[in-house]
Structures are given as C-alpha cells and as structure tokens.
C-alpha atoms as a PDB file:
ATOM      1  CA  GLU A   1       6.243 -22.598  -3.871  1.00  0.00           C
ATOM      2  CA  ILE A   2       5.594 -20.531  -0.783  1.00  0.00           C
ATOM      3  CA  VAL A   3       8.012 -17.668  -0.219  1.00  0.00           C
ATOM      4  CA  CYS A   4       8.141 -15.490   2.898  1.00  0.00           C
ATOM      5  CA  LYS A   5      10.373 -14.517   5.836  1.00  0.00           C
ATOM      6  CA  PRO A   6       8.973 -16.313   8.935  1.00  0.00           C
ATOM      7  CA  ASN A   7      12.386 -16.442  10.612  1.00  0.00           C
ATOM      8  CA  VAL A   8      12.313 -12.634  11.006  1.00  0.00           C
ATOM      9  CA  LEU A   9       8.652 -11.666  10.592  1.00  0.00           C
ATOM     10  CA  ARG A  10       7.539 -14.396  12.990  1.00  0.00           C
ATOM     11  CA  SER A  11       3.922 -13.358  13.553  1.00  0.00           C
ATOM     12  CA  GLN A  12       3.042 -11.966  10.148  1.00  0.00           C
ATOM     13  CA  ASP A  13       4.814 -14.428   7.863  1.00  0.00           C
ATOM     14  CA  GLY A  14       4.454 -17.291  10.344  1.00  0.00           C
ATOM     15  CA  MET A  15       0.684 -16.906  10.100  1.00  0.00           C
ATOM     16  CA  PHE A  16       0.888 -16.498   6.301  1.00  0.00           C
ATOM     17  CA  LEU A  17       2.938 -19.691   5.932  1.00  0.00           C
ATOM     18  CA  LYS A  18       0.658 -21.706   8.234  1.00  0.00           C
ATOM     19  CA  ARG A  19      -2.475 -20.522   6.412  1.00  0.00           C
ATOM     20  CA  ILE A  20      -1.129 -21.211   2.918  1.00  0.00           C
ATOM     21  CA  LYS A  21       0.129 -24.674   3.912  1.00  0.00           C
ATOM     22  CA  ASN A  22      -3.317 -25.443   5.363  1.00  0.00           C
ATOM     23  CA  ILE A  23      -5.068 -24.345   2.171  1.00  0.00           C
ATOM     24  CA  ALA A  24      -2.661 -26.401   0.061  1.00  0.00           C
ATOM     25  CA  LYS A  25      -3.172 -29.492   2.217  1.00  0.00           C
ATOM     26  CA  MET A  26      -6.976 -29.219   2.292  1.00  0.00           C
ATOM     27  CA  GLU A  27      -7.746 -28.003  -1.227  1.00  0.00           C
ATOM     28  CA  TYR A  28      -4.777 -29.144  -3.321  1.00  0.00           C
ATOM     29  CA  PRO A  29      -3.430 -32.342  -1.717  1.00  0.00           C
ATOM     30  CA  GLU A  30      -1.966 -33.500  -5.032  1.00  0.00           C
ATOM     31  CA  LEU A  31       0.428 -30.539  -5.185  1.00  0.00           C
ATOM     32  CA  GLN A  32       3.967 -30.699  -3.934  1.00  0.00           C
ATOM     33  CA  VAL A  33       4.521 -27.559  -1.867  1.00  0.00           C
ATOM     34  CA  GLU A  34       7.999 -26.171  -1.301  1.00  0.00           C
ATOM     35  CA  THR A  35       8.766 -23.331   1.100  1.00  0.00           C
ATOM     36  CA  TYR A  36      11.599 -20.812   0.849  1.00  0.00           C
ATOM     37  CA  ILE A  37      12.959 -17.910   2.839  1.00  0.00           C
ATOM     38  CA  VAL A  38      12.651 -14.858   0.565  1.00  0.00           C
ATOM     39  CA  ASP A  39      16.370 -13.977   0.385  1.00  0.00           C
ATOM     40  CA  ASP A  40      17.301 -17.558  -0.546  1.00  0.00           C
ATOM     41  CA  PHE A  41      14.503 -17.587  -3.102  1.00  0.00           C
ATOM     42  CA  ALA A  42      15.740 -14.324  -4.662  1.00  0.00           C
ATOM     43  CA  ALA A  43      19.061 -16.025  -5.423  1.00  0.00           C
ATOM     44  CA  ARG A  44      17.321 -19.165  -6.735  1.00  0.00           C
ATOM     45  CA  LEU A  45      15.151 -17.040  -9.017  1.00  0.00           C
ATOM     46  CA  ILE A  46      18.245 -15.618 -10.697  1.00  0.00           C
ATOM     47  CA  ARG A  47      20.108 -18.915 -10.843  1.00  0.00           C
ATOM     48  CA  PHE A  48      17.217 -21.173 -11.906  1.00  0.00           C
ATOM     49  CA  PRO A  49      14.567 -18.945 -13.518  1.00  0.00           C
ATOM     50  CA  ASP A  50      12.955 -21.791 -15.491  1.00  0.00           C
ATOM     51  CA  TYR A  51      12.418 -23.970 -12.425  1.00  0.00           C
ATOM     52  CA  HIS A  52       9.643 -21.946 -10.826  1.00  0.00           C
ATOM     53  CA  ASP A  53       5.988 -22.206 -11.759  1.00  0.00           C
ATOM     54  CA  THR A  54       3.529 -20.840  -9.218  1.00  0.00           C
ATOM     55  CA  ILE A  55       4.747 -18.681  -6.357  1.00  0.00           C
ATOM     56  CA  VAL A  56       2.621 -17.670  -3.381  1.00  0.00           C
ATOM     57  CA  ILE A  57       4.186 -14.708  -1.610  1.00  0.00           C
ATOM     58  CA  PRO A  58       3.135 -11.699   0.493  1.00  0.00           C
ATOM     59  CA  ASN A  59       2.546  -8.551  -1.557  1.00  0.00           C
ATOM     60  CA  MET A  60       5.599  -6.468  -0.619  1.00  0.00           C
ATOM     61  CA  MET A  61       8.068  -9.306  -1.197  1.00  0.00           C
ATOM     62  CA  GLY A  62       6.223 -10.318  -4.352  1.00  0.00           C
ATOM     63  CA  ASP A  63       6.501  -6.795  -5.709  1.00  0.00           C
ATOM     64  CA  ILE A  64      10.261  -6.799  -5.152  1.00  0.00           C
ATOM     65  CA  LEU A  65      10.787 -10.276  -6.628  1.00  0.00           C
ATOM     66  CA  SER A  66       8.589  -9.541  -9.653  1.00  0.00           C
ATOM     67  CA  ASP A  67      10.832  -6.570 -10.483  1.00  0.00           C
ATOM     68  CA  GLU A  68      13.863  -8.842 -10.078  1.00  0.00           C
ATOM     69  CA  ALA A  69      12.294 -11.484 -12.320  1.00  0.00           C
ATOM     70  CA  ALA A  70      11.490  -8.825 -14.931  1.00  0.00           C
ATOM     71  CA  GLN A  71      15.214  -8.098 -15.246  1.00  0.00           C
ATOM     72  CA  ILE A  72      15.810 -11.728 -16.236  1.00  0.00           C
ATOM     73  CA  VAL A  73      13.668 -11.250 -19.349  1.00  0.00           C
ATOM     74  CA  GLY A  74      14.837  -7.743 -20.226  1.00  0.00           C
ATOM     75  CA  GLY A  75      13.372  -5.342 -17.690  1.00  0.00           C
ATOM     76  CA  LEU A  76      10.084  -3.860 -16.596  1.00  0.00           C
ATOM     77  CA  GLY A  77       9.399  -2.555 -20.100  1.00  0.00           C
ATOM     78  CA  VAL A  78       8.972  -6.068 -21.491  1.00  0.00           C
ATOM     79  CA  SER A  79       7.378  -7.826 -18.544  1.00  0.00           C
ATOM     80  CA  GLY A  80       3.648  -8.332 -18.374  1.00  0.00           C
ATOM     81  CA  SER A  81       1.790  -9.516 -15.317  1.00  0.00           C
ATOM     82  CA  GLY A  82      -1.439 -11.190 -14.389  1.00  0.00           C
ATOM     83  CA  VAL A  83      -3.048 -11.361 -10.989  1.00  0.00           C
ATOM     84  CA  TYR A  84      -5.208 -14.460 -10.746  1.00  0.00           C
ATOM     85  CA  GLY A  85      -7.445 -15.397  -7.876  1.00  0.00           C
ATOM     86  CA  SER A  86     -10.887 -16.633  -7.022  1.00  0.00           C
ATOM     87  CA  ARG A  87     -12.390 -13.450  -8.418  1.00  0.00           C
ATOM     88  CA  ILE A  88     -11.870 -11.616 -11.689  1.00  0.00           C
ATOM     89  CA  PRO A  89      -8.184 -11.546 -12.696  1.00  0.00           C
ATOM     90  CA  TYR A  90      -6.511  -8.450 -14.020  1.00  0.00           C
ATOM     91  CA  PHE A  91      -3.563  -7.952 -16.322  1.00  0.00           C
ATOM     92  CA  GLU A  92      -1.144  -5.043 -16.475  1.00  0.00           C
ATOM     93  CA  PRO A  93       2.459  -4.201 -17.325  1.00  0.00           C
ATOM     94  CA  THR A  94       4.826  -4.934 -14.447  1.00  0.00           C
ATOM     95  CA  HIS A  95       6.007  -1.321 -14.583  1.00  0.00           C
ATOM     96  CA  GLY A  96       2.528  -0.002 -13.793  1.00  0.00           C
ATOM     97  CA  SER A  97       1.300   3.247 -15.330  1.00  0.00           C
ATOM     98  CA  ALA A  98       4.759   4.923 -15.465  1.00  0.00           C
ATOM     99  CA  PRO A  99       3.436   8.446 -14.750  1.00  0.00           C
ATOM    100  CA  ASP A 100       6.983   9.845 -14.783  1.00  0.00           C
ATOM    101  CA  ILE A 101       7.138   9.412 -18.558  1.00  0.00           C
ATOM    102  CA  ALA A 102       3.491  10.162 -19.411  1.00  0.00           C
ATOM    103  CA  GLY A 103       3.058  12.061 -22.667  1.00  0.00           C
ATOM    104  CA  GLN A 104       6.703  11.728 -23.723  1.00  0.00           C
ATOM    105  CA  LYS A 105       6.052   8.917 -26.249  1.00  0.00           C
ATOM    106  CA  ILE A 106       8.935   6.868 -24.826  1.00  0.00           C
ATOM    107  CA  ALA A 107       6.968   4.220 -22.907  1.00  0.00           C
ATOM    108  CA  ASN A 108       7.729   0.729 -24.117  1.00  0.00           C
ATOM    109  CA  PRO A 109       4.412  -0.818 -25.255  1.00  0.00           C
ATOM    110  CA  ILE A 110       5.710  -4.397 -25.114  1.00  0.00           C
ATOM    111  CA  ALA A 111       4.797  -5.059 -21.461  1.00  0.00           C
ATOM    112  CA  THR A 112       1.245  -3.862 -22.107  1.00  0.00           C
ATOM    113  CA  ILE A 113       0.951  -6.056 -25.202  1.00  0.00           C
ATOM    114  CA  ILE A 114       2.332  -9.068 -23.304  1.00  0.00           C
ATOM    115  CA  SER A 115      -0.247  -8.421 -20.575  1.00  0.00           C
ATOM    116  CA  ALA A 116      -2.955  -8.335 -23.251  1.00  0.00           C
ATOM    117  CA  SER A 117      -1.598 -11.643 -24.576  1.00  0.00           C
ATOM    118  CA  MET A 118      -1.861 -13.143 -21.088  1.00  0.00           C
ATOM    119  CA  MET A 119      -5.460 -11.936 -20.859  1.00  0.00           C
ATOM    120  CA  LEU A 120      -6.326 -13.427 -24.253  1.00  0.00           C
ATOM    121  CA  ASP A 121      -4.803 -16.742 -23.189  1.00  0.00           C
ATOM    122  CA  TYR A 122      -6.813 -16.690 -19.956  1.00  0.00           C
ATOM    123  CA  LEU A 123     -10.003 -16.011 -21.938  1.00  0.00           C
ATOM    124  CA  GLY A 124      -9.319 -18.975 -24.228  1.00  0.00           C
ATOM    125  CA  TYR A 125      -7.936 -17.098 -27.239  1.00  0.00           C
ATOM    126  CA  GLU A 126      -4.701 -19.075 -27.319  1.00  0.00           C
ATOM    127  CA  LYS A 127      -4.008 -18.565 -31.035  1.00  0.00           C
ATOM    128  CA  GLU A 128      -4.385 -14.793 -30.774  1.00  0.00           C
ATOM    129  CA  SER A 129      -2.301 -14.739 -27.594  1.00  0.00           C
ATOM    130  CA  GLU A 130       0.517 -16.664 -29.249  1.00  0.00           C
ATOM    131  CA  GLY A 131       0.220 -14.378 -32.283  1.00  0.00           C
ATOM    132  CA  LEU A 132       0.886 -11.293 -30.176  1.00  0.00           C
ATOM    133  CA  ILE A 133       3.988 -12.890 -28.672  1.00  0.00           C
ATOM    134  CA  GLU A 134       5.209 -13.942 -32.122  1.00  0.00           C
ATOM    135  CA  ALA A 135       4.643 -10.404 -33.457  1.00  0.00           C
ATOM    136  CA  ILE A 136       6.711  -8.975 -30.590  1.00  0.00           C
ATOM    137  CA  GLU A 137       9.470 -11.513 -31.237  1.00  0.00           C
ATOM    138  CA  ASN A 138       9.479 -10.742 -34.960  1.00  0.00           C
ATOM    139  CA  THR A 139       9.668  -7.011 -34.252  1.00  0.00           C
ATOM    140  CA  LEU A 140      12.623  -7.437 -31.905  1.00  0.00           C
ATOM    141  CA  ILE A 141      14.399  -9.884 -34.227  1.00  0.00           C
ATOM    142  CA  GLY A 142      13.892  -7.433 -37.095  1.00  0.00           C
ATOM    143  CA  GLY A 143      15.643  -4.790 -35.025  1.00  0.00           C
ATOM    144  CA  LEU A 144      18.743  -6.853 -34.265  1.00  0.00           C
ATOM    145  CA  ASP A 145      20.805  -4.709 -36.626  1.00  0.00           C
ATOM    146  CA  VAL A 146      20.483  -1.712 -34.310  1.00  0.00           C
ATOM    147  CA  GLU A 147      22.506   0.550 -36.611  1.00  0.00           C
ATOM    148  CA  LYS A 148      19.840   0.222 -39.330  1.00  0.00           C
ATOM    149  CA  ASN A 149      16.695  -0.542 -37.358  1.00  0.00           C
ATOM    150  CA  TRP A 150      16.868   1.461 -34.127  1.00  0.00           C
ATOM    151  CA  LYS A 151      13.465   3.012 -34.865  1.00  0.00           C
ATOM    152  CA  THR A 152      11.707  -0.327 -34.358  1.00  0.00           C
ATOM    153  CA  LEU A 153      13.153  -0.861 -30.887  1.00  0.00           C
ATOM    154  CA  PRO A 154      11.934   0.564 -27.581  1.00  0.00           C
ATOM    155  CA  LYS A 155      14.351   2.659 -25.543  1.00  0.00           C
ATOM    156  CA  GLU A 156      15.471  -0.214 -23.245  1.00  0.00           C
ATOM    157  CA  ALA A 157      16.406  -2.374 -26.236  1.00  0.00           C
ATOM    158  CA  VAL A 158      18.985  -0.043 -27.768  1.00  0.00           C
ATOM    159  CA  PRO A 159      22.502   0.603 -26.443  1.00  0.00           C
ATOM    160  CA  PRO A 160      23.016   3.682 -24.206  1.00  0.00           C
ATOM    161  CA  LYS A 161      24.807   5.604 -26.974  1.00  0.00           C
ATOM    162  CA  TYR A 162      21.604   5.434 -29.050  1.00  0.00           C
ATOM    163  CA  GLN A 163      19.415   6.354 -26.082  1.00  0.00           C
ATOM    164  CA  LYS A 164      21.496   9.489 -25.437  1.00  0.00           C
ATOM    165  CA  ASN A 165      21.009  10.586 -29.048  1.00  0.00           C
ATOM    166  CA  GLY A 166      17.264   9.909 -28.989  1.00  0.00           C
ATOM    167  CA  LYS A 167      17.651   6.968 -31.367  1.00  0.00           C
ATOM    168  CA  PHE A 168      14.906   4.584 -30.312  1.00  0.00           C
ATOM    169  CA  GLY A 169      11.377   3.888 -31.380  1.00  0.00           C
ATOM    170  CA  THR A 170       8.542   5.953 -29.974  1.00  0.00           C
ATOM    171  CA  THR A 171       5.668   4.223 -28.216  1.00  0.00           C
ATOM    172  CA  ASP A 172       3.426   4.576 -31.274  1.00  0.00           C
ATOM    173  CA  PHE A 173       6.084   3.467 -33.752  1.00  0.00           C
ATOM    174  CA  VAL A 174       6.958   0.296 -31.823  1.00  0.00           C
ATOM    175  CA  ALA A 175       3.275  -0.545 -31.256  1.00  0.00           C
ATOM    176  CA  ASP A 176       2.508   0.023 -34.953  1.00  0.00           C
ATOM    177  CA  LYS A 177       5.443  -2.204 -35.941  1.00  0.00           C
ATOM    178  CA  ILE A 178       4.148  -4.983 -33.670  1.00  0.00           C
ATOM    179  CA  LEU A 179       0.666  -4.576 -35.183  1.00  0.00           C
ATOM    180  CA  GLU A 180       2.190  -4.760 -38.664  1.00  0.00           C
ATOM    181  CA  GLU A 181       3.952  -8.022 -37.714  1.00  0.00           C
ATOM    182  CA  TYR A 182       0.745  -9.384 -36.155  1.00  0.00           C
ATOM    183  CA  LYS A 183      -1.216  -8.738 -39.352  1.00  0.00           C
ATOM    184  CA  LYS A 184       1.315 -10.853 -41.295  1.00  0.00           C
ATOM    185  CA  LEU A 185       0.471 -13.885 -39.154  1.00  0.00           C
ATOM    186  CA  ASP A 186      -2.280 -16.422 -39.727  1.00  0.00           C
ATOM    187  CA  THR A 187      -4.320 -15.626 -36.597  1.00  0.00           C
END
C-alpha cells in the first residue's frame, strides 16, 4: 500500500508516488499495489487494522500514522517498531527515548521488549521472539485483577485512579516480571 497526499502536495508526493509505483512495477511485479490518500488511509487504519500489511509512506505522514496505529494496540508504551530497508534494519520503541521521563522509573519497558522480539525474529530466532511476546502476554494477563496485581502493570495499563496514587509497576519491576515469565517458557 502506498500512502501519501499527491492531491495537495503535488510535486513532493506526486514524485514519491510515481517513483514507488515504478519500483513496484519493475522489481516486484507480482505484488498488488494499492494507493491511498493519507487522510482516507488514517480512517481505514482505525476501521480495518488487520487488513494492512506493508505500507510505504513519506516519513512525516508515517510518523503520524504509526502513533495512530500504536493507539489501536494500547498506546506508544506497548508498540515496537522496525525500520527495514536495503541496509541494516533497526528496531526501537515507537515512543522513542522518552527523555521527558528519564530516570523516573515509570517508562513502560514493553515497547522496547517488543522491538527486541522483532529483531530476534528478523535474525531468525523465531522461538525466542515468540517467547518474549508470550511472556509479555502472560504478565499482562496475570495483572488483569488490577486491585491485586497493579504492581505488575505499566502505568498506561492501570486505570487513572491508580496512576494518580502511584499504583503501577516501575520499569524494573515490569521488566523483571516479564523476564520471570520468559524463564518459565520452553525457549
């Protein structure tokens, strides 16, 4: 899927769209390529999140839509990302380095761990990658009774009344709980 705004950004996105379509035609003729105007695609992303696979989009629009997509799965704190290309890929949490909360021990480690899982999968360590995801799931499922288990949940996963009272797991506690769950698995 190619997403851009050539109806408004005629030169910039017009050139982008033409170039990407050319590359698709020449190098990937077997692929079905769909094109979308970014505002229409933003609505489709919310309505049909499971439909989309690979999206080619200019950086600024991609940054905005990736934050939107993160909300579908729970927010920036639980959304990992991978940037793939012809060179060396890199993996990072969607939220970036979060310097505004540095040193406060409130950063949610889940996005970083999901990014690590994506990296492991890319490197061919599928079992270990799946194990990390399962450990995260088990940690979150174990915290479903928020009244009893608020310590195991990152700040974004507990209701606002708990957040206000400081009742949420610290970065280290949540990461340690995920590690504990990972060690229980056969990976």
